[in-house]
Amino acid sequence: MKKTLAQWALDVWYKDSKIALLLVPLSIVFSGMVRVRKFLYQRGLFKSHRLSVPVIVVGNISVGGTGKTPLVIWLARLLKDAGYRPGIISRGYGGEAKSWPQWVDANSDVSQVGDEALLIAGATHCPMAVAPSRVAAANLLISQSDCNVLISDDGLQHYALNRTIEIAVIDGERRFGNGYCLPAGPLREPMSRLQAVDFVVVNGEKKLSHEFSMRLAGDTLINLLTGEQKPLQEFQQIGCHALAGIGNPERFFKVLATAGLPCTLHRFPDHYRYQRHDIDFGDDKPVLMTEKDAVKCRQLASQQHWYLPVQAQLAPDFAKQLLTTLREKT
């Protein structure tokens, strides 16, 4: 049911659907509420907490996957190389901890802290905390680590936390869909929101001069059970299963198709909690998945299971401008 509803929503948002027009009145109400909420924070009627360290927010204005997680990992490494001590905070989507905030490291329980948080912590080795309140997560990091800059994953609409730099990530293929706010379209905030951010990063080819293009590169599969690595090309003549429980599974499937891999596709909801039968298809074909899916499947995996890690690649001028902006604002 969830999968069907999600696909229906995508069809309404990203295809020429007349159903969207019926929902426009609700979108106008939603957009108005979003604007009023932001105005109340700007005027100080809702409290926005200013921290003792600068905060870089990475987020988007649309629902679904845009590539924020690889960018957060890239940004953490950039800051480390520049001499900073970054900490990372997130909502912890998919986590079901009974108390918050939760400290996250590579050995954390994915069911408690969420798949994206576990992936980021393992890839960056930075101090990380998750909580519905980004302020609570930030205070935990500041009090229990030596971080001197914070990266907020998916916090663009979390105005309770004051921010130093805002980075908005856009899906280069889907962009803004039909351009409407929820529920008629995929937008959390109107497109005009992008005029206020410091940087706009496009996952794919940029269309406007002020945007920065990001490429996600990955051509090596890693076995979940053994750690063995093989190039994608070795799977071209083998029938495979490909599964994805991410915000935009079609992007992953397209990577495999472009590499010439014949795959039977299996779509799951974002943040899906896998059971063994979900990843066992009753044959000996390789089962390929994203790294985000892999963090939830390690205890279920056999030698059939492989994941594809990707790394964000951005132009040197983006790194230079971001570091310059950070220094100027602090």
C-alpha atoms as a PDB file:
ATOM      1  CA  MET A   1       0.000   0.000   0.000  1.00  0.00           C
ATOM      2  CA  LYS A   2       2.774   2.435   0.913  1.00  0.00           C
ATOM      3  CA  LYS A   3       4.638   1.716  -2.294  1.00  0.00           C
ATOM      4  CA  THR A   4       1.511   2.251  -4.389  1.00  0.00           C
ATOM      5  CA  LEU A   5       0.712   5.526  -2.638  1.00  0.00           C
ATOM      6  CA  ALA A   6       4.285   6.758  -3.096  1.00  0.00           C
ATOM      7  CA  GLN A   7       4.250   5.920  -6.802  1.00  0.00           C
ATOM      8  CA  TRP A   8       0.889   7.643  -7.209  1.00  0.00           C
ATOM      9  CA  ALA A   9       2.281  10.784  -5.589  1.00  0.00           C
ATOM     10  CA  LEU A  10       5.334  10.761  -7.865  1.00  0.00           C
ATOM     11  CA  ASP A  11       3.108  10.443 -10.918  1.00  0.00           C
ATOM     12  CA  VAL A  12       1.057  13.434  -9.768  1.00  0.00           C
ATOM     13  CA  TRP A  13       4.117  15.549  -8.966  1.00  0.00           C
ATOM     14  CA  TYR A  14       6.477  14.730 -11.823  1.00  0.00           C
ATOM     15  CA  LYS A  15       4.143  13.960 -14.716  1.00  0.00           C
ATOM     16  CA  ASP A  16       1.466  15.996 -16.457  1.00  0.00           C
ATOM     17  CA  SER A  17      -1.350  15.092 -14.074  1.00  0.00           C
ATOM     18  CA  LYS A  18      -4.648  16.945 -13.855  1.00  0.00           C
ATOM     19  CA  ILE A  19      -5.100  15.545 -10.349  1.00  0.00           C
ATOM     20  CA  ALA A  20      -2.515  18.067  -9.157  1.00  0.00           C
ATOM     21  CA  LEU A  21      -4.844  20.906 -10.137  1.00  0.00           C
ATOM     22  CA  LEU A  22      -7.504  19.568  -7.778  1.00  0.00           C
ATOM     23  CA  LEU A  23      -5.008  19.742  -4.921  1.00  0.00           C
ATOM     24  CA  VAL A  24      -3.754  23.266  -5.634  1.00  0.00           C
ATOM     25  CA  PRO A  25      -6.092  24.915  -3.067  1.00  0.00           C
ATOM     26  CA  LEU A  26      -4.557  22.733  -0.353  1.00  0.00           C
ATOM     27  CA  SER A  27      -1.087  23.623  -1.607  1.00  0.00           C
ATOM     28  CA  ILE A  28      -1.902  27.320  -1.318  1.00  0.00           C
ATOM     29  CA  VAL A  29      -2.918  26.780   2.306  1.00  0.00           C
ATOM     30  CA  PHE A  30       0.228  24.745   2.996  1.00  0.00           C
ATOM     31  CA  SER A  31       2.484  27.325   1.354  1.00  0.00           C
ATOM     32  CA  GLY A  32       0.861  30.081   3.385  1.00  0.00           C
ATOM     33  CA  MET A  33       1.421  28.188   6.622  1.00  0.00           C
ATOM     34  CA  VAL A  34       5.075  27.644   5.701  1.00  0.00           C
ATOM     35  CA  ARG A  35       5.568  31.344   5.036  1.00  0.00           C
ATOM     36  CA  VAL A  36       3.870  32.366   8.283  1.00  0.00           C
ATOM     37  CA  ARG A  37       5.970  29.898  10.283  1.00  0.00           C
ATOM     38  CA  LYS A  38       9.196  31.229   8.808  1.00  0.00           C
ATOM     39  CA  PHE A  39       8.059  34.821   9.410  1.00  0.00           C
ATOM     40  CA  LEU A  40       7.396  34.057  13.089  1.00  0.00           C
ATOM     41  CA  TYR A  41      10.937  32.708  13.471  1.00  0.00           C
ATOM     42  CA  GLN A  42      12.395  35.721  11.679  1.00  0.00           C
ATOM     43  CA  ARG A  43      10.498  38.099  13.965  1.00  0.00           C
ATOM     44  CA  GLY A  44      11.550  36.249  17.099  1.00  0.00           C
ATOM     45  CA  LEU A  45       8.044  35.113  18.044  1.00  0.00           C
ATOM     46  CA  PHE A  46       9.324  31.549  17.716  1.00  0.00           C
ATOM     47  CA  LYS A  47      12.755  31.023  19.237  1.00  0.00           C
ATOM     48  CA  SER A  48      15.711  30.244  16.988  1.00  0.00           C
ATOM     49  CA  HIS A  49      18.694  28.971  18.973  1.00  0.00           C
ATOM     50  CA  ARG A  50      22.136  30.381  18.185  1.00  0.00           C
ATOM     51  CA  LEU A  51      25.003  28.024  19.036  1.00  0.00           C
ATOM     52  CA  SER A  52      28.579  28.715  20.071  1.00  0.00           C
ATOM     53  CA  VAL A  53      29.885  27.167  16.831  1.00  0.00           C
ATOM     54  CA  PRO A  54      28.965  27.863  13.186  1.00  0.00           C
ATOM     55  CA  VAL A  55      26.269  25.676  11.614  1.00  0.00           C
ATOM     56  CA  ILE A  56      26.189  24.566   7.967  1.00  0.00           C
ATOM     57  CA  VAL A  57      22.765  23.284   6.939  1.00  0.00           C
ATOM     58  CA  VAL A  58      22.449  20.849   4.030  1.00  0.00           C
ATOM     59  CA  GLY A  59      18.867  20.329   2.899  1.00  0.00           C
ATOM     60  CA  ASN A  60      16.364  20.605   0.092  1.00  0.00           C
ATOM     61  CA  ILE A  61      12.995  22.132  -0.641  1.00  0.00           C
ATOM     62  CA  SER A  62      11.463  18.975  -2.117  1.00  0.00           C
ATOM     63  CA  VAL A  63      10.543  15.627  -0.628  1.00  0.00           C
ATOM     64  CA  GLY A  64      12.435  12.509  -1.659  1.00  0.00           C
ATOM     65  CA  GLY A  65      16.090  11.817  -2.278  1.00  0.00           C
ATOM     66  CA  THR A  66      18.264  14.503  -3.832  1.00  0.00           C
ATOM     67  CA  GLY A  67      21.764  13.387  -2.801  1.00  0.00           C
ATOM     68  CA  LYS A  68      22.137  15.153   0.543  1.00  0.00           C
ATOM     69  CA  THR A  69      23.892  12.263   2.283  1.00  0.00           C
ATOM     70  CA  PRO A  70      26.886  12.031  -0.126  1.00  0.00           C
ATOM     71  CA  LEU A  71      27.221  15.820   0.037  1.00  0.00           C
ATOM     72  CA  VAL A  72      27.249  15.782   3.851  1.00  0.00           C
ATOM     73  CA  ILE A  73      30.023  13.168   3.774  1.00  0.00           C
ATOM     74  CA  TRP A  74      31.976  15.200   1.205  1.00  0.00           C
ATOM     75  CA  LEU A  75      31.542  18.360   3.274  1.00  0.00           C
ATOM     76  CA  ALA A  76      32.756  16.681   6.473  1.00  0.00           C
ATOM     77  CA  ARG A  77      35.920  15.528   4.716  1.00  0.00           C
ATOM     78  CA  LEU A  78      36.466  18.978   3.205  1.00  0.00           C
ATOM     79  CA  LEU A  79      36.209  20.635   6.605  1.00  0.00           C
ATOM     80  CA  LYS A  80      38.598  18.112   8.146  1.00  0.00           C
ATOM     81  CA  ASP A  81      41.139  18.725   5.402  1.00  0.00           C
ATOM     82  CA  ALA A  82      40.795  22.476   6.024  1.00  0.00           C
ATOM     83  CA  GLY A  83      41.680  22.040   9.700  1.00  0.00           C
ATOM     84  CA  TYR A  84      38.191  22.119  11.204  1.00  0.00           C
ATOM     85  CA  ARG A  85      36.730  19.593  13.646  1.00  0.00           C
ATOM     86  CA  PRO A  86      33.235  18.973  12.257  1.00  0.00           C
ATOM     87  CA  GLY A  87      30.340  17.378  14.087  1.00  0.00           C
ATOM     88  CA  ILE A  88      27.164  16.202  12.359  1.00  0.00           C
ATOM     89  CA  ILE A  89      23.543  16.344  13.497  1.00  0.00           C
ATOM     90  CA  SER A  90      20.463  14.824  11.900  1.00  0.00           C
ATOM     91  CA  ARG A  91      16.850  13.914  12.539  1.00  0.00           C
ATOM     92  CA  GLY A  92      17.592  10.190  12.584  1.00  0.00           C
ATOM     93  CA  TYR A  93      14.830   9.224  10.152  1.00  0.00           C
ATOM     94  CA  GLY A  94      13.859   5.582  10.529  1.00  0.00           C
ATOM     95  CA  GLY A  95      15.308   5.386  14.045  1.00  0.00           C
ATOM     96  CA  GLU A  96      13.026   4.302  16.867  1.00  0.00           C
ATOM     97  CA  ALA A  97      15.045   5.143  19.975  1.00  0.00           C
ATOM     98  CA  LYS A  98      12.985   5.601  23.134  1.00  0.00           C
ATOM     99  CA  SER A  99      14.982   8.644  24.213  1.00  0.00           C
ATOM    100  CA  TRP A 100      16.688  11.479  22.363  1.00  0.00           C
ATOM    101  CA  PRO A 101      19.264  12.702  21.500  1.00  0.00           C
ATOM    102  CA  GLN A 102      21.252   9.621  20.514  1.00  0.00           C
ATOM    103  CA  TRP A 103      25.001   9.507  19.944  1.00  0.00           C
ATOM    104  CA  VAL A 104      25.894   7.775  16.666  1.00  0.00           C
ATOM    105  CA  ASP A 105      29.001   5.875  15.631  1.00  0.00           C
ATOM    106  CA  ALA A 106      29.777   3.078  13.193  1.00  0.00           C
ATOM    107  CA  ASN A 107      28.634   0.461  15.732  1.00  0.00           C
ATOM    108  CA  SER A 108      25.264   2.023  16.565  1.00  0.00           C
ATOM    109  CA  ASP A 109      22.027   0.063  16.146  1.00  0.00           C
ATOM    110  CA  VAL A 110      20.454   1.099  12.844  1.00  0.00           C
ATOM    111  CA  SER A 111      16.968   0.473  14.226  1.00  0.00           C
ATOM    112  CA  GLN A 112      17.621   3.089  16.915  1.00  0.00           C
ATOM    113  CA  VAL A 113      19.408   5.858  14.996  1.00  0.00           C
ATOM    114  CA  GLY A 114      18.336   5.357  11.361  1.00  0.00           C
ATOM    115  CA  ASP A 115      20.087   4.249   8.183  1.00  0.00           C
ATOM    116  CA  GLU A 116      21.357   7.602   6.920  1.00  0.00           C
ATOM    117  CA  ALA A 117      22.892   8.536  10.272  1.00  0.00           C
ATOM    118  CA  LEU A 118      24.701   5.205  10.547  1.00  0.00           C
ATOM    119  CA  LEU A 119      26.010   5.552   6.991  1.00  0.00           C
ATOM    120  CA  ILE A 120      27.287   9.092   7.610  1.00  0.00           C
ATOM    121  CA  ALA A 121      28.919   8.230  10.939  1.00  0.00           C
ATOM    122  CA  GLY A 122      30.691   5.227   9.461  1.00  0.00           C
ATOM    123  CA  ALA A 123      31.917   7.130   6.417  1.00  0.00           C
ATOM    124  CA  THR A 124      33.140  10.289   8.174  1.00  0.00           C
ATOM    125  CA  HIS A 125      34.212   9.115  11.656  1.00  0.00           C
ATOM    126  CA  CYS A 126      32.971  12.486  12.905  1.00  0.00           C
ATOM    127  CA  PRO A 127      31.108  12.992  16.185  1.00  0.00           C
ATOM    128  CA  MET A 128      27.414  12.632  15.344  1.00  0.00           C
ATOM    129  CA  ALA A 129      24.117  12.900  17.186  1.00  0.00           C
ATOM    130  CA  VAL A 130      20.500  12.514  16.095  1.00  0.00           C
ATOM    131  CA  ALA A 131      17.244  13.803  17.549  1.00  0.00           C
ATOM    132  CA  PRO A 132      13.913  15.203  16.371  1.00  0.00           C
ATOM    133  CA  SER A 133      15.200  18.454  17.878  1.00  0.00           C
ATOM    134  CA  ARG A 134      18.370  19.448  16.022  1.00  0.00           C
ATOM    135  CA  VAL A 135      19.088  21.836  18.909  1.00  0.00           C
ATOM    136  CA  ALA A 136      19.163  18.940  21.382  1.00  0.00           C
ATOM    137  CA  ALA A 137      21.461  16.945  19.093  1.00  0.00           C
ATOM    138  CA  ALA A 138      23.732  19.968  18.653  1.00  0.00           C
ATOM    139  CA  ASN A 139      23.968  20.629  22.386  1.00  0.00           C
ATOM    140  CA  LEU A 140      24.980  17.005  22.974  1.00  0.00           C
ATOM    141  CA  LEU A 141      27.806  17.272  20.450  1.00  0.00           C
ATOM    142  CA  ILE A 142      29.040  20.612  21.735  1.00  0.00           C
ATOM    143  CA  SER A 143      29.076  19.381  25.329  1.00  0.00           C
ATOM    144  CA  GLN A 144      30.687  15.993  24.657  1.00  0.00           C
ATOM    145  CA  SER A 145      33.073  16.572  21.745  1.00  0.00           C
ATOM    146  CA  ASP A 146      35.627  19.115  20.563  1.00  0.00           C
ATOM    147  CA  CYS A 147      33.793  19.973  17.328  1.00  0.00           C
ATOM    148  CA  ASN A 148      34.135  23.589  16.216  1.00  0.00           C
ATOM    149  CA  VAL A 149      31.661  23.509  13.312  1.00  0.00           C
ATOM    150  CA  LEU A 150      28.384  21.618  12.867  1.00  0.00           C
ATOM    151  CA  ILE A 151      26.834  20.140   9.738  1.00  0.00           C
ATOM    152  CA  SER A 152      23.055  19.770   9.950  1.00  0.00           C
ATOM    153  CA  ASP A 153      21.802  17.023   7.654  1.00  0.00           C
ATOM    154  CA  ASP A 154      18.381  17.803   6.138  1.00  0.00           C
ATOM    155  CA  GLY A 155      17.714  20.802   8.370  1.00  0.00           C
ATOM    156  CA  LEU A 156      16.725  23.511   5.902  1.00  0.00           C
ATOM    157  CA  GLN A 157      13.206  23.820   7.345  1.00  0.00           C
ATOM    158  CA  HIS A 158      14.309  23.382  10.979  1.00  0.00           C
ATOM    159  CA  TYR A 159      14.271  27.091  11.836  1.00  0.00           C
ATOM    160  CA  ALA A 160      14.562  26.446  15.562  1.00  0.00           C
ATOM    161  CA  LEU A 161      18.296  26.138  14.885  1.00  0.00           C
ATOM    162  CA  ASN A 162      20.066  29.273  13.709  1.00  0.00           C
ATOM    163  CA  ARG A 163      22.429  28.665  10.822  1.00  0.00           C
ATOM    164  CA  THR A 164      25.572  30.235   9.391  1.00  0.00           C
ATOM    165  CA  ILE A 165      25.464  28.759   5.875  1.00  0.00           C
ATOM    166  CA  GLU A 166      22.618  27.122   3.955  1.00  0.00           C
ATOM    167  CA  ILE A 167      23.192  24.645   1.122  1.00  0.00           C
ATOM    168  CA  ALA A 168      20.174  23.464  -0.887  1.00  0.00           C
ATOM    169  CA  VAL A 169      20.478  20.268  -2.935  1.00  0.00           C
ATOM    170  CA  ILE A 170      18.390  19.745  -6.084  1.00  0.00           C
ATOM    171  CA  ASP A 171      17.775  16.576  -8.080  1.00  0.00           C
ATOM    172  CA  GLY A 172      19.111  17.525 -11.502  1.00  0.00           C
ATOM    173  CA  GLU A 173      16.717  15.203 -13.338  1.00  0.00           C
ATOM    174  CA  ARG A 174      13.447  15.829 -11.509  1.00  0.00           C
ATOM    175  CA  ARG A 175      14.188  19.414 -10.403  1.00  0.00           C
ATOM    176  CA  PHE A 176      10.958  20.770  -8.806  1.00  0.00           C
ATOM    177  CA  GLY A 177       8.404  18.579 -10.543  1.00  0.00           C
ATOM    178  CA  ASN A 178       5.251  20.551 -11.306  1.00  0.00           C
ATOM    179  CA  GLY A 179       6.441  23.406  -9.082  1.00  0.00           C
ATOM    180  CA  TYR A 180       3.645  23.171  -6.524  1.00  0.00           C
ATOM    181  CA  CYS A 181       4.006  22.833  -2.767  1.00  0.00           C
ATOM    182  CA  LEU A 182       2.598  19.801  -0.983  1.00  0.00           C
ATOM    183  CA  PRO A 183       0.231  18.074  -1.547  1.00  0.00           C
ATOM    184  CA  ALA A 184      -0.229  19.072  -5.211  1.00  0.00           C
ATOM    185  CA  GLY A 185       3.528  19.029  -5.781  1.00  0.00           C
ATOM    186  CA  PRO A 186       6.752  17.824  -4.146  1.00  0.00           C
ATOM    187  CA  LEU A 187       7.884  21.119  -2.588  1.00  0.00           C
ATOM    188  CA  ARG A 188       8.267  21.620   1.159  1.00  0.00           C
ATOM    189  CA  GLU A 189       8.712  25.337   0.568  1.00  0.00           C
ATOM    190  CA  PRO A 190       8.110  27.598  -2.455  1.00  0.00           C
ATOM    191  CA  MET A 191      10.900  27.794  -5.041  1.00  0.00           C
ATOM    192  CA  SER A 192      11.525  31.384  -3.950  1.00  0.00           C
ATOM    193  CA  ARG A 193      13.140  29.898  -0.827  1.00  0.00           C
ATOM    194  CA  LEU A 194      16.254  29.178  -2.894  1.00  0.00           C
ATOM    195  CA  GLN A 195      16.899  32.903  -3.251  1.00  0.00           C
ATOM    196  CA  ALA A 196      17.814  33.027   0.439  1.00  0.00           C
ATOM    197  CA  VAL A 197      20.298  30.134   0.585  1.00  0.00           C
ATOM    198  CA  ASP A 198      24.053  30.561   0.220  1.00  0.00           C
ATOM    199  CA  PHE A 199      24.648  27.740  -2.268  1.00  0.00           C
ATOM    200  CA  VAL A 200      22.515  25.639  -4.609  1.00  0.00           C
ATOM    201  CA  VAL A 201      24.034  22.255  -5.491  1.00  0.00           C
ATOM    202  CA  VAL A 202      22.518  20.221  -8.318  1.00  0.00           C
ATOM    203  CA  ASN A 203      22.862  16.452  -8.253  1.00  0.00           C
ATOM    204  CA  GLY A 204      23.507  16.192 -11.980  1.00  0.00           C
ATOM    205  CA  GLU A 205      23.824  18.858 -14.641  1.00  0.00           C
ATOM    206  CA  LYS A 206      23.198  22.429 -13.524  1.00  0.00           C
ATOM    207  CA  LYS A 207      20.865  24.688 -15.509  1.00  0.00           C
ATOM    208  CA  LEU A 208      21.520  28.100 -13.971  1.00  0.00           C
ATOM    209  CA  SER A 209      24.794  30.001 -13.664  1.00  0.00           C
ATOM    210  CA  HIS A 210      24.681  30.319  -9.872  1.00  0.00           C
ATOM    211  CA  GLU A 211      24.238  26.566  -9.345  1.00  0.00           C
ATOM    212  CA  PHE A 212      27.050  24.106  -8.617  1.00  0.00           C
ATOM    213  CA  SER A 213      27.015  20.681 -10.232  1.00  0.00           C
ATOM    214  CA  MET A 214      27.614  17.532  -8.175  1.00  0.00           C
ATOM    215  CA  ARG A 215      28.369  14.104  -9.611  1.00  0.00           C
ATOM    216  CA  LEU A 216      27.953  10.870  -7.672  1.00  0.00           C
ATOM    217  CA  ALA A 217      30.720   8.498  -8.748  1.00  0.00           C
ATOM    218  CA  GLY A 218      30.826   4.787  -8.047  1.00  0.00           C
ATOM    219  CA  ASP A 219      31.980   1.869 -10.178  1.00  0.00           C
ATOM    220  CA  THR A 220      32.943  -0.805  -7.647  1.00  0.00           C
ATOM    221  CA  LEU A 221      30.636  -3.244  -5.866  1.00  0.00           C
ATOM    222  CA  ILE A 222      31.522  -4.483  -2.371  1.00  0.00           C
ATOM    223  CA  ASN A 223      30.341  -7.788  -0.934  1.00  0.00           C
ATOM    224  CA  LEU A 224      28.408  -7.335   2.310  1.00  0.00           C
ATOM    225  CA  LEU A 225      29.645 -10.599   3.791  1.00  0.00           C
ATOM    226  CA  THR A 226      33.300 -10.777   2.732  1.00  0.00           C
ATOM    227  CA  GLY A 227      34.262  -7.217   1.794  1.00  0.00           C
ATOM    228  CA  GLU A 228      35.443  -8.422  -1.622  1.00  0.00           C
ATOM    229  CA  GLN A 229      35.436  -5.705  -4.284  1.00  0.00           C
ATOM    230  CA  LYS A 230      34.566  -6.138  -7.949  1.00  0.00           C
ATOM    231  CA  PRO A 231      34.078  -3.609 -10.766  1.00  0.00           C
ATOM    232  CA  LEU A 232      30.523  -3.161 -12.029  1.00  0.00           C
ATOM    233  CA  GLN A 233      31.584  -4.425 -15.433  1.00  0.00           C
ATOM    234  CA  GLU A 234      32.099  -7.948 -14.085  1.00  0.00           C
ATOM    235  CA  PHE A 235      28.332  -8.225 -13.581  1.00  0.00           C
ATOM    236  CA  GLN A 236      27.378  -7.239 -17.132  1.00  0.00           C
ATOM    237  CA  GLN A 237      26.847 -10.789 -18.350  1.00  0.00           C
ATOM    238  CA  ILE A 238      25.105 -11.967 -15.186  1.00  0.00           C
ATOM    239  CA  GLY A 239      21.424 -11.603 -14.409  1.00  0.00           C
ATOM    240  CA  CYS A 240      21.116  -9.671 -11.139  1.00  0.00           C
ATOM    241  CA  HIS A 241      18.538  -8.499  -8.647  1.00  0.00           C
ATOM    242  CA  ALA A 242      18.664  -4.812  -7.712  1.00  0.00           C
ATOM    243  CA  LEU A 243      16.858  -3.462  -4.667  1.00  0.00           C
ATOM    244  CA  ALA A 244      16.527   0.051  -3.305  1.00  0.00           C
ATOM    245  CA  GLY A 245      14.697   1.545  -0.344  1.00  0.00           C
ATOM    246  CA  ILE A 246      15.755   5.157  -0.871  1.00  0.00           C
ATOM    247  CA  GLY A 247      14.089   8.448  -1.745  1.00  0.00           C
ATOM    248  CA  ASN A 248      14.736   8.096  -5.490  1.00  0.00           C
ATOM    249  CA  PRO A 249      15.402   4.434  -6.358  1.00  0.00           C
ATOM    250  CA  GLU A 250      15.236   5.127 -10.092  1.00  0.00           C
ATOM    251  CA  ARG A 251      18.555   6.969  -9.922  1.00  0.00           C
ATOM    252  CA  PHE A 252      20.290   3.825  -8.584  1.00  0.00           C
ATOM    253  CA  PHE A 253      18.589   1.596 -11.127  1.00  0.00           C
ATOM    254  CA  LYS A 254      19.644   3.961 -13.912  1.00  0.00           C
ATOM    255  CA  VAL A 255      23.295   3.709 -12.812  1.00  0.00           C
ATOM    256  CA  LEU A 256      23.131  -0.077 -13.116  1.00  0.00           C
ATOM    257  CA  ALA A 257      21.376   0.083 -16.492  1.00  0.00           C
ATOM    258  CA  THR A 258      23.913   2.584 -17.837  1.00  0.00           C
ATOM    259  CA  ALA A 259      26.701   0.215 -16.767  1.00  0.00           C
ATOM    260  CA  GLY A 260      25.033  -2.530 -18.815  1.00  0.00           C
ATOM    261  CA  LEU A 261      23.802  -4.691 -15.946  1.00  0.00           C
ATOM    262  CA  PRO A 262      20.608  -6.679 -16.634  1.00  0.00           C
ATOM    263  CA  CYS A 263      18.628  -6.479 -13.390  1.00  0.00           C
ATOM    264  CA  THR A 264      15.275  -7.465 -11.969  1.00  0.00           C
ATOM    265  CA  LEU A 265      14.213  -4.406  -9.985  1.00  0.00           C
ATOM    266  CA  HIS A 266      12.772  -4.425  -6.457  1.00  0.00           C
ATOM    267  CA  ARG A 267      11.525  -1.128  -4.984  1.00  0.00           C
ATOM    268  CA  PHE A 268      10.994  -0.594  -1.261  1.00  0.00           C
ATOM    269  CA  PRO A 269       9.840   2.460   0.719  1.00  0.00           C
ATOM    270  CA  ASP A 270      12.477   4.905   1.937  1.00  0.00           C
ATOM    271  CA  HIS A 271      14.004   3.840   5.283  1.00  0.00           C
ATOM    272  CA  TYR A 272      12.438   0.381   4.876  1.00  0.00           C
ATOM    273  CA  ARG A 273      13.422  -2.135   7.551  1.00  0.00           C
ATOM    274  CA  TYR A 274      14.382  -5.282   5.691  1.00  0.00           C
ATOM    275  CA  GLN A 275      13.674  -8.853   6.713  1.00  0.00           C
ATOM    276  CA  ARG A 276      15.628 -11.795   5.349  1.00  0.00           C
ATOM    277  CA  HIS A 277      12.854 -12.790   2.943  1.00  0.00           C
ATOM    278  CA  ASP A 278      12.962  -9.289   1.405  1.00  0.00           C
ATOM    279  CA  ILE A 279      16.480  -9.816   0.069  1.00  0.00           C
ATOM    280  CA  ASP A 280      16.289 -13.557  -0.703  1.00  0.00           C
ATOM    281  CA  PHE A 281      14.763 -14.126  -4.132  1.00  0.00           C
ATOM    282  CA  GLY A 282      15.100 -17.903  -4.240  1.00  0.00           C
ATOM    283  CA  ASP A 283      17.942 -18.122  -6.747  1.00  0.00           C
ATOM    284  CA  ASP A 284      21.719 -17.688  -6.877  1.00  0.00           C
ATOM    285  CA  LYS A 285      21.781 -14.380  -8.762  1.00  0.00           C
ATOM    286  CA  PRO A 286      23.762 -11.503  -7.227  1.00  0.00           C
ATOM    287  CA  VAL A 287      21.655  -9.020  -5.260  1.00  0.00           C
ATOM    288  CA  LEU A 288      22.803  -5.407  -5.674  1.00  0.00           C
ATOM    289  CA  MET A 289      21.835  -2.512  -3.404  1.00  0.00           C
ATOM    290  CA  THR A 290      22.816   0.992  -2.334  1.00  0.00           C
ATOM    291  CA  GLU A 291      25.148   1.653   0.576  1.00  0.00           C
ATOM    292  CA  LYS A 292      22.223   3.085   2.528  1.00  0.00           C
ATOM    293  CA  ASP A 293      20.362  -0.213   2.122  1.00  0.00           C
ATOM    294  CA  ALA A 294      23.505  -2.153   3.016  1.00  0.00           C
ATOM    295  CA  VAL A 295      23.748  -0.724   6.541  1.00  0.00           C
ATOM    296  CA  LYS A 296      20.373  -2.372   7.269  1.00  0.00           C
ATOM    297  CA  CYS A 297      21.146  -5.677   5.562  1.00  0.00           C
ATOM    298  CA  ARG A 298      24.553  -6.631   6.966  1.00  0.00           C
ATOM    299  CA  GLN A 299      23.128  -9.086   9.501  1.00  0.00           C
ATOM    300  CA  LEU A 300      20.917 -10.659   6.823  1.00  0.00           C
ATOM    301  CA  ALA A 301      23.450 -10.904   4.015  1.00  0.00           C
ATOM    302  CA  SER A 302      24.995 -13.860   2.219  1.00  0.00           C
ATOM    303  CA  GLN A 303      27.728 -13.988  -0.415  1.00  0.00           C
ATOM    304  CA  GLN A 304      25.091 -13.019  -2.996  1.00  0.00           C
ATOM    305  CA  HIS A 305      24.716  -9.517  -1.605  1.00  0.00           C
ATOM    306  CA  TRP A 306      26.697  -6.539  -2.906  1.00  0.00           C
ATOM    307  CA  TYR A 307      26.416  -2.790  -2.458  1.00  0.00           C
ATOM    308  CA  LEU A 308      27.549   0.174  -4.542  1.00  0.00           C
ATOM    309  CA  PRO A 309      29.189   3.017  -2.587  1.00  0.00           C
ATOM    310  CA  VAL A 310      29.210   6.426  -4.262  1.00  0.00           C
ATOM    311  CA  GLN A 311      31.272   9.541  -3.620  1.00  0.00           C
ATOM    312  CA  ALA A 312      30.241  13.115  -4.297  1.00  0.00           C
ATOM    313  CA  GLN A 313      32.450  15.002  -6.723  1.00  0.00           C
ATOM    314  CA  LEU A 314      32.252  18.798  -6.877  1.00  0.00           C
ATOM    315  CA  ALA A 315      34.309  21.444  -8.624  1.00  0.00           C
ATOM    316  CA  PRO A 316      37.225  22.975  -6.669  1.00  0.00           C
ATOM    317  CA  ASP A 317      35.650  26.428  -6.958  1.00  0.00           C
ATOM    318  CA  PHE A 318      32.688  25.284  -4.851  1.00  0.00           C
ATOM    319  CA  ALA A 319      34.995  24.106  -2.062  1.00  0.00           C
ATOM    320  CA  LYS A 320      36.934  27.356  -2.219  1.00  0.00           C
ATOM    321  CA  GLN A 321      33.823  29.538  -2.118  1.00  0.00           C
ATOM    322  CA  LEU A 322      32.279  27.563   0.724  1.00  0.00           C
ATOM    323  CA  LEU A 323      35.377  27.778   2.917  1.00  0.00           C
ATOM    324  CA  THR A 324      35.714  31.487   2.145  1.00  0.00           C
ATOM    325  CA  THR A 325      32.080  32.090   3.100  1.00  0.00           C
ATOM    326  CA  LEU A 326      32.535  30.152   6.327  1.00  0.00           C
ATOM    327  CA  ARG A 327      35.549  32.235   7.305  1.00  0.00           C
ATOM    328  CA  GLU A 328      33.796  35.494   6.409  1.00  0.00           C
ATOM    329  CA  LYS A 329      30.692  34.655   8.426  1.00  0.00           C
ATOM    330  CA  THR A 330      32.578  33.566  11.521  1.00  0.00           C
END
